[in-house]
């Protein structure tokens, strides 16, 4: 009886520690828990067209962000340029995204703007070592 009580208490304590983790760590734990898979992370920068105004560049960047919203893993793969022959095809998940605008001039007094959309993501690959 004491051994059973001790085992149950140990399981409750371990479960409490797992539940206390952040959503991010729980998500990564889930991603690693699948047999024979490893989590990979990546960052891709998507570019807008060049425009004459900063606000137009930001708007194009936000349009790119909105285009990513709701995309399936198979739709995200070519956009984010995820290439791995061992990829778990349904595992691509966007973690974070950000729009910045680059200001540049190719000739005097002609300033142009371009949105840079940085997308951080993770995905699973089949671990062939197992």
C-alpha atoms as a PDB file:
ATOM      1  CA  UNK A   1       0.000   0.000   0.000  1.00  0.00           C
ATOM      2  CA  UNK A   2       2.835   2.381   0.888  1.00  0.00           C
ATOM      3  CA  UNK A   3       4.602   1.631  -2.407  1.00  0.00           C
ATOM      4  CA  UNK A   4       1.426   2.361  -4.365  1.00  0.00           C
ATOM      5  CA  UNK A   5       0.847   5.619  -2.481  1.00  0.00           C
ATOM      6  CA  UNK A   6       4.464   6.642  -3.049  1.00  0.00           C
ATOM      7  CA  UNK A   7       4.225   5.855  -6.778  1.00  0.00           C
ATOM      8  CA  UNK A   8       0.967   7.826  -7.148  1.00  0.00           C
ATOM      9  CA  UNK A   9       2.462  10.777  -5.243  1.00  0.00           C
ATOM     10  CA  UNK A  10       5.506  10.722  -7.533  1.00  0.00           C
ATOM     11  CA  UNK A  11       3.320  10.706 -10.646  1.00  0.00           C
ATOM     12  CA  UNK A  12       1.239  13.615  -9.346  1.00  0.00           C
ATOM     13  CA  UNK A  13       4.378  15.641  -8.615  1.00  0.00           C
ATOM     14  CA  UNK A  14       5.824  14.954 -12.074  1.00  0.00           C
ATOM     15  CA  UNK A  15       2.509  15.813 -13.744  1.00  0.00           C
ATOM     16  CA  UNK A  16       2.321  19.076 -11.810  1.00  0.00           C
ATOM     17  CA  UNK A  17       5.805  20.045 -12.996  1.00  0.00           C
ATOM     18  CA  UNK A  18       4.900  19.370 -16.620  1.00  0.00           C
ATOM     19  CA  UNK A  19       1.656  21.330 -16.355  1.00  0.00           C
ATOM     20  CA  UNK A  20       3.493  24.282 -14.790  1.00  0.00           C
ATOM     21  CA  UNK A  21       5.639  24.718 -17.921  1.00  0.00           C
ATOM     22  CA  UNK A  22       4.896  27.442 -20.437  1.00  0.00           C
ATOM     23  CA  UNK A  23       2.735  26.786 -23.483  1.00  0.00           C
ATOM     24  CA  UNK A  24       5.839  27.003 -25.661  1.00  0.00           C
ATOM     25  CA  UNK A  25       7.727  24.346 -23.737  1.00  0.00           C
ATOM     26  CA  UNK A  26       4.636  22.141 -23.637  1.00  0.00           C
ATOM     27  CA  UNK A  27       4.282  22.524 -27.401  1.00  0.00           C
ATOM     28  CA  UNK A  28       7.928  21.603 -27.935  1.00  0.00           C
ATOM     29  CA  UNK A  29       7.548  18.685 -25.528  1.00  0.00           C
ATOM     30  CA  UNK A  30       4.611  17.489 -27.624  1.00  0.00           C
ATOM     31  CA  UNK A  31       6.618  17.886 -30.805  1.00  0.00           C
ATOM     32  CA  UNK A  32       9.476  15.798 -29.342  1.00  0.00           C
ATOM     33  CA  UNK A  33       7.214  13.174 -27.815  1.00  0.00           C
ATOM     34  CA  UNK A  34       6.314  11.564 -31.118  1.00  0.00           C
ATOM     35  CA  UNK A  35       8.413   8.473 -31.665  1.00  0.00           C
ATOM     36  CA  UNK A  36      11.407   8.854 -33.964  1.00  0.00           C
ATOM     37  CA  UNK A  37      10.962  12.589 -34.629  1.00  0.00           C
ATOM     38  CA  UNK A  38      13.183  15.585 -33.913  1.00  0.00           C
ATOM     39  CA  UNK A  39      12.153  19.243 -33.835  1.00  0.00           C
ATOM     40  CA  UNK A  40      13.887  21.634 -36.224  1.00  0.00           C
ATOM     41  CA  UNK A  41      13.495  25.402 -36.210  1.00  0.00           C
ATOM     42  CA  UNK A  42      13.903  27.882 -39.015  1.00  0.00           C
ATOM     43  CA  UNK A  43      13.644  31.542 -39.899  1.00  0.00           C
ATOM     44  CA  UNK A  44      12.649  32.913 -43.288  1.00  0.00           C
ATOM     45  CA  UNK A  45      12.461  36.518 -44.459  1.00  0.00           C
ATOM     46  CA  UNK A  46       9.786  37.268 -47.034  1.00  0.00           C
ATOM     47  CA  UNK A  47      10.106  40.459 -49.108  1.00  0.00           C
ATOM     48  CA  UNK A  48       7.414  42.795 -50.377  1.00  0.00           C
ATOM     49  CA  UNK A  49       7.586  44.752 -53.601  1.00  0.00           C
ATOM     50  CA  UNK A  50       9.567  47.995 -53.527  1.00  0.00           C
ATOM     51  CA  UNK A  51       7.344  51.043 -52.943  1.00  0.00           C
ATOM     52  CA  UNK A  52       7.693  54.814 -52.790  1.00  0.00           C
ATOM     53  CA  UNK A  53       6.286  55.193 -49.259  1.00  0.00           C
ATOM     54  CA  UNK A  54       7.036  53.664 -45.879  1.00  0.00           C
ATOM     55  CA  UNK A  55       3.339  53.189 -45.078  1.00  0.00           C
ATOM     56  CA  UNK A  56       2.764  51.328 -48.330  1.00  0.00           C
ATOM     57  CA  UNK A  57       5.677  49.007 -47.529  1.00  0.00           C
ATOM     58  CA  UNK A  58       4.252  48.295 -44.064  1.00  0.00           C
ATOM     59  CA  UNK A  59       0.838  47.603 -45.586  1.00  0.00           C
ATOM     60  CA  UNK A  60       2.370  45.132 -48.031  1.00  0.00           C
ATOM     61  CA  UNK A  61       4.187  43.466 -45.121  1.00  0.00           C
ATOM     62  CA  UNK A  62       0.941  43.112 -43.175  1.00  0.00           C
ATOM     63  CA  UNK A  63      -0.718  41.698 -46.291  1.00  0.00           C
ATOM     64  CA  UNK A  64       2.020  39.046 -46.401  1.00  0.00           C
ATOM     65  CA  UNK A  65       1.388  38.275 -42.697  1.00  0.00           C
ATOM     66  CA  UNK A  66      -2.352  37.979 -43.282  1.00  0.00           C
ATOM     67  CA  UNK A  67      -1.670  35.646 -46.202  1.00  0.00           C
ATOM     68  CA  UNK A  68       0.179  33.272 -43.828  1.00  0.00           C
ATOM     69  CA  UNK A  69      -2.716  33.154 -41.363  1.00  0.00           C
ATOM     70  CA  UNK A  70      -4.703  29.942 -41.571  1.00  0.00           C
ATOM     71  CA  UNK A  71      -2.386  28.246 -44.068  1.00  0.00           C
ATOM     72  CA  UNK A  72      -1.933  24.513 -43.700  1.00  0.00           C
ATOM     73  CA  UNK A  73       1.471  22.956 -43.224  1.00  0.00           C
ATOM     74  CA  UNK A  74       1.575  21.868 -46.864  1.00  0.00           C
ATOM     75  CA  UNK A  75       0.767  25.431 -47.974  1.00  0.00           C
ATOM     76  CA  UNK A  76       3.432  26.912 -45.671  1.00  0.00           C
ATOM     77  CA  UNK A  77       6.192  24.584 -46.875  1.00  0.00           C
ATOM     78  CA  UNK A  78       6.907  26.323 -50.229  1.00  0.00           C
ATOM     79  CA  UNK A  79       6.286  29.817 -48.824  1.00  0.00           C
ATOM     80  CA  UNK A  80       8.789  29.301 -45.998  1.00  0.00           C
ATOM     81  CA  UNK A  81      11.075  27.236 -48.242  1.00  0.00           C
ATOM     82  CA  UNK A  82      11.187  24.279 -45.844  1.00  0.00           C
ATOM     83  CA  UNK A  83      13.129  21.536 -47.541  1.00  0.00           C
ATOM     84  CA  UNK A  84      13.789  18.259 -45.846  1.00  0.00           C
ATOM     85  CA  UNK A  85      13.141  14.889 -47.349  1.00  0.00           C
ATOM     86  CA  UNK A  86      12.435  13.517 -43.855  1.00  0.00           C
ATOM     87  CA  UNK A  87       9.885  16.253 -43.040  1.00  0.00           C
ATOM     88  CA  UNK A  88       6.700  15.338 -41.178  1.00  0.00           C
ATOM     89  CA  UNK A  89       4.502  17.029 -43.784  1.00  0.00           C
ATOM     90  CA  UNK A  90       1.817  18.185 -41.334  1.00  0.00           C
ATOM     91  CA  UNK A  91       4.091  19.568 -38.616  1.00  0.00           C
ATOM     92  CA  UNK A  92       5.101  23.069 -39.795  1.00  0.00           C
ATOM     93  CA  UNK A  93       3.962  25.654 -37.242  1.00  0.00           C
ATOM     94  CA  UNK A  94       4.647  29.406 -37.251  1.00  0.00           C
ATOM     95  CA  UNK A  95       6.003  30.565 -33.887  1.00  0.00           C
ATOM     96  CA  UNK A  96       6.519  34.290 -34.455  1.00  0.00           C
ATOM     97  CA  UNK A  97       6.391  36.859 -37.231  1.00  0.00           C
ATOM     98  CA  UNK A  98       7.454  40.480 -37.567  1.00  0.00           C
ATOM     99  CA  UNK A  99       7.322  43.236 -40.171  1.00  0.00           C
ATOM    100  CA  UNK A 100      10.170  45.719 -40.574  1.00  0.00           C
ATOM    101  CA  UNK A 101      10.734  48.179 -43.396  1.00  0.00           C
ATOM    102  CA  UNK A 102      14.036  48.732 -45.161  1.00  0.00           C
ATOM    103  CA  UNK A 103      14.695  52.213 -46.536  1.00  0.00           C
ATOM    104  CA  UNK A 104      17.206  52.503 -49.373  1.00  0.00           C
ATOM    105  CA  UNK A 105      18.229  54.665 -52.331  1.00  0.00           C
ATOM    106  CA  UNK A 106      19.732  53.481 -55.595  1.00  0.00           C
ATOM    107  CA  UNK A 107      20.090  57.026 -56.860  1.00  0.00           C
ATOM    108  CA  UNK A 108      20.254  60.463 -55.207  1.00  0.00           C
ATOM    109  CA  UNK A 109      16.996  61.856 -53.795  1.00  0.00           C
ATOM    110  CA  UNK A 110      14.964  58.743 -54.681  1.00  0.00           C
ATOM    111  CA  UNK A 111      14.185  56.859 -51.484  1.00  0.00           C
ATOM    112  CA  UNK A 112      12.415  53.524 -51.755  1.00  0.00           C
ATOM    113  CA  UNK A 113      10.968  51.163 -49.158  1.00  0.00           C
ATOM    114  CA  UNK A 114      10.559  47.418 -48.872  1.00  0.00           C
ATOM    115  CA  UNK A 115       8.878  45.328 -46.174  1.00  0.00           C
ATOM    116  CA  UNK A 116      10.854  42.475 -44.635  1.00  0.00           C
ATOM    117  CA  UNK A 117       8.614  39.883 -43.000  1.00  0.00           C
ATOM    118  CA  UNK A 118      10.599  37.655 -40.649  1.00  0.00           C
ATOM    119  CA  UNK A 119       8.874  34.354 -39.889  1.00  0.00           C
ATOM    120  CA  UNK A 120      10.130  31.949 -37.214  1.00  0.00           C
ATOM    121  CA  UNK A 121       8.754  28.414 -37.358  1.00  0.00           C
ATOM    122  CA  UNK A 122       9.352  24.839 -36.284  1.00  0.00           C
ATOM    123  CA  UNK A 123       8.649  21.436 -37.780  1.00  0.00           C
ATOM    124  CA  UNK A 124       9.378  17.775 -37.173  1.00  0.00           C
ATOM    125  CA  UNK A 125      11.673  15.544 -39.151  1.00  0.00           C
ATOM    126  CA  UNK A 126      11.854  11.790 -38.973  1.00  0.00           C
ATOM    127  CA  UNK A 127      14.939  10.819 -36.998  1.00  0.00           C
ATOM    128  CA  UNK A 128      16.591   8.127 -39.083  1.00  0.00           C
ATOM    129  CA  UNK A 129      19.038   7.299 -36.256  1.00  0.00           C
ATOM    130  CA  UNK A 130      16.338   5.521 -34.246  1.00  0.00           C
END
